Amino acid sequence: MIHTGTATPNDQKQYDVTRKDLPLHCPMPNMSLWNSHPRVFLSFEEAADGKIKCPYCGADYVLKRQ
């Protein structure tokens, strides 16, 4: 699968995501991949506060309740 997103990877320190974004991976599908790190899947299962951090770029992901 080729992603041709236009968003710049890691241009924010925090990203708000919803359940429709799951399973979550960084970089996200709307981000271009040519200048980013390898894809890593992130899980909220052990995140009691609904926040997780990408181990590569340090971006914070916050699961928003809807």
C-alpha atoms as a PDB file:
ATOM      1  CA  MET A   1       0.000   0.000   0.000  1.00  0.00           C
ATOM      2  CA  ILE A   2       1.382   3.413  -0.960  1.00  0.00           C
ATOM      3  CA  HIS A   3       0.482   6.431   1.126  1.00  0.00           C
ATOM      4  CA  THR A   4       0.614   9.752  -0.650  1.00  0.00           C
ATOM      5  CA  GLY A   5      -0.414  11.996   2.220  1.00  0.00           C
ATOM      6  CA  THR A   6       0.266  15.664   2.155  1.00  0.00           C
ATOM      7  CA  ALA A   7       0.645  16.343   5.879  1.00  0.00           C
ATOM      8  CA  THR A   8       4.191  16.760   7.085  1.00  0.00           C
ATOM      9  CA  PRO A   9       5.147  13.961   9.483  1.00  0.00           C
ATOM     10  CA  ASN A  10       5.872  14.972  13.035  1.00  0.00           C
ATOM     11  CA  ASP A  11       4.910  18.612  12.447  1.00  0.00           C
ATOM     12  CA  GLN A  12       2.949  18.651  15.704  1.00  0.00           C
ATOM     13  CA  LYS A  13       3.826  17.534  19.199  1.00  0.00           C
ATOM     14  CA  GLN A  14       0.301  16.259  19.945  1.00  0.00           C
ATOM     15  CA  TYR A  15      -2.325  14.604  17.766  1.00  0.00           C
ATOM     16  CA  ASP A  16      -5.932  14.045  18.804  1.00  0.00           C
ATOM     17  CA  VAL A  17      -7.291  10.759  17.501  1.00  0.00           C
ATOM     18  CA  THR A  18     -10.636   8.954  17.760  1.00  0.00           C
ATOM     19  CA  ARG A  19     -11.668   5.306  17.669  1.00  0.00           C
ATOM     20  CA  LYS A  20     -12.117   5.555  13.888  1.00  0.00           C
ATOM     21  CA  ASP A  21      -8.317   6.085  13.626  1.00  0.00           C
ATOM     22  CA  LEU A  22      -7.643   2.714  15.260  1.00  0.00           C
ATOM     23  CA  PRO A  23      -5.551   0.676  14.802  1.00  0.00           C
ATOM     24  CA  LEU A  24      -3.224   3.621  15.178  1.00  0.00           C
ATOM     25  CA  HIS A  25       0.224   3.851  13.689  1.00  0.00           C
ATOM     26  CA  CYS A  26       2.798   6.594  13.417  1.00  0.00           C
ATOM     27  CA  PRO A  27       3.232   8.118  10.934  1.00  0.00           C
ATOM     28  CA  MET A  28      -0.494   8.332  10.226  1.00  0.00           C
ATOM     29  CA  PRO A  29      -1.961   7.610   6.749  1.00  0.00           C
ATOM     30  CA  ASN A  30      -2.380  11.299   5.876  1.00  0.00           C
ATOM     31  CA  MET A  31       1.349  11.948   6.383  1.00  0.00           C
ATOM     32  CA  SER A  32       3.947  11.632   3.671  1.00  0.00           C
ATOM     33  CA  LEU A  33       6.328   8.770   4.369  1.00  0.00           C
ATOM     34  CA  TRP A  34       9.417   9.603   2.375  1.00  0.00           C
ATOM     35  CA  ASN A  35      10.929  11.758   5.140  1.00  0.00           C
ATOM     36  CA  SER A  36       9.680   9.989   8.257  1.00  0.00           C
ATOM     37  CA  HIS A  37      10.568   7.043  10.471  1.00  0.00           C
ATOM     38  CA  PRO A  38       9.416   3.439   9.925  1.00  0.00           C
ATOM     39  CA  ARG A  39       5.770   2.740  10.719  1.00  0.00           C
ATOM     40  CA  VAL A  40       5.137   1.705  14.305  1.00  0.00           C
ATOM     41  CA  PHE A  41       1.743   0.573  15.617  1.00  0.00           C
ATOM     42  CA  LEU A  42       0.633   2.186  18.868  1.00  0.00           C
ATOM     43  CA  SER A  43      -1.823   0.759  21.400  1.00  0.00           C
ATOM     44  CA  PHE A  44      -3.965   2.549  23.973  1.00  0.00           C
ATOM     45  CA  GLU A  45      -4.632  -0.684  25.893  1.00  0.00           C
ATOM     46  CA  GLU A  46      -2.155   0.071  28.663  1.00  0.00           C
ATOM     47  CA  ALA A  47      -2.619   3.837  28.587  1.00  0.00           C
ATOM     48  CA  ALA A  48      -4.806   4.604  31.601  1.00  0.00           C
ATOM     49  CA  ASP A  49      -4.898   8.310  30.750  1.00  0.00           C
ATOM     50  CA  GLY A  50      -5.653   7.803  27.034  1.00  0.00           C
ATOM     51  CA  LYS A  51      -2.255   9.130  25.936  1.00  0.00           C
ATOM     52  CA  ILE A  52       0.589   7.356  24.171  1.00  0.00           C
ATOM     53  CA  LYS A  53       3.933   8.473  22.780  1.00  0.00           C
ATOM     54  CA  CYS A  54       5.612   7.380  19.571  1.00  0.00           C
ATOM     55  CA  PRO A  55       8.950   5.778  20.459  1.00  0.00           C
ATOM     56  CA  TYR A  56      10.570   7.108  17.275  1.00  0.00           C
ATOM     57  CA  CYS A  57       9.566  10.751  17.026  1.00  0.00           C
ATOM     58  CA  GLY A  58       8.111  11.439  20.477  1.00  0.00           C
ATOM     59  CA  ALA A  59       4.750  12.642  19.148  1.00  0.00           C
ATOM     60  CA  ASP A  60       1.941  12.361  21.687  1.00  0.00           C
ATOM     61  CA  TYR A  61      -1.370  10.800  20.655  1.00  0.00           C
ATOM     62  CA  VAL A  62      -4.487  11.496  22.723  1.00  0.00           C
ATOM     63  CA  LEU A  63      -7.561   9.310  22.326  1.00  0.00           C
ATOM     64  CA  LYS A  64     -10.624  11.569  22.332  1.00  0.00           C
ATOM     65  CA  ARG A  65     -13.912  10.132  23.566  1.00  0.00           C
ATOM     66  CA  GLN A  66     -16.898  10.673  21.296  1.00  0.00           C
END
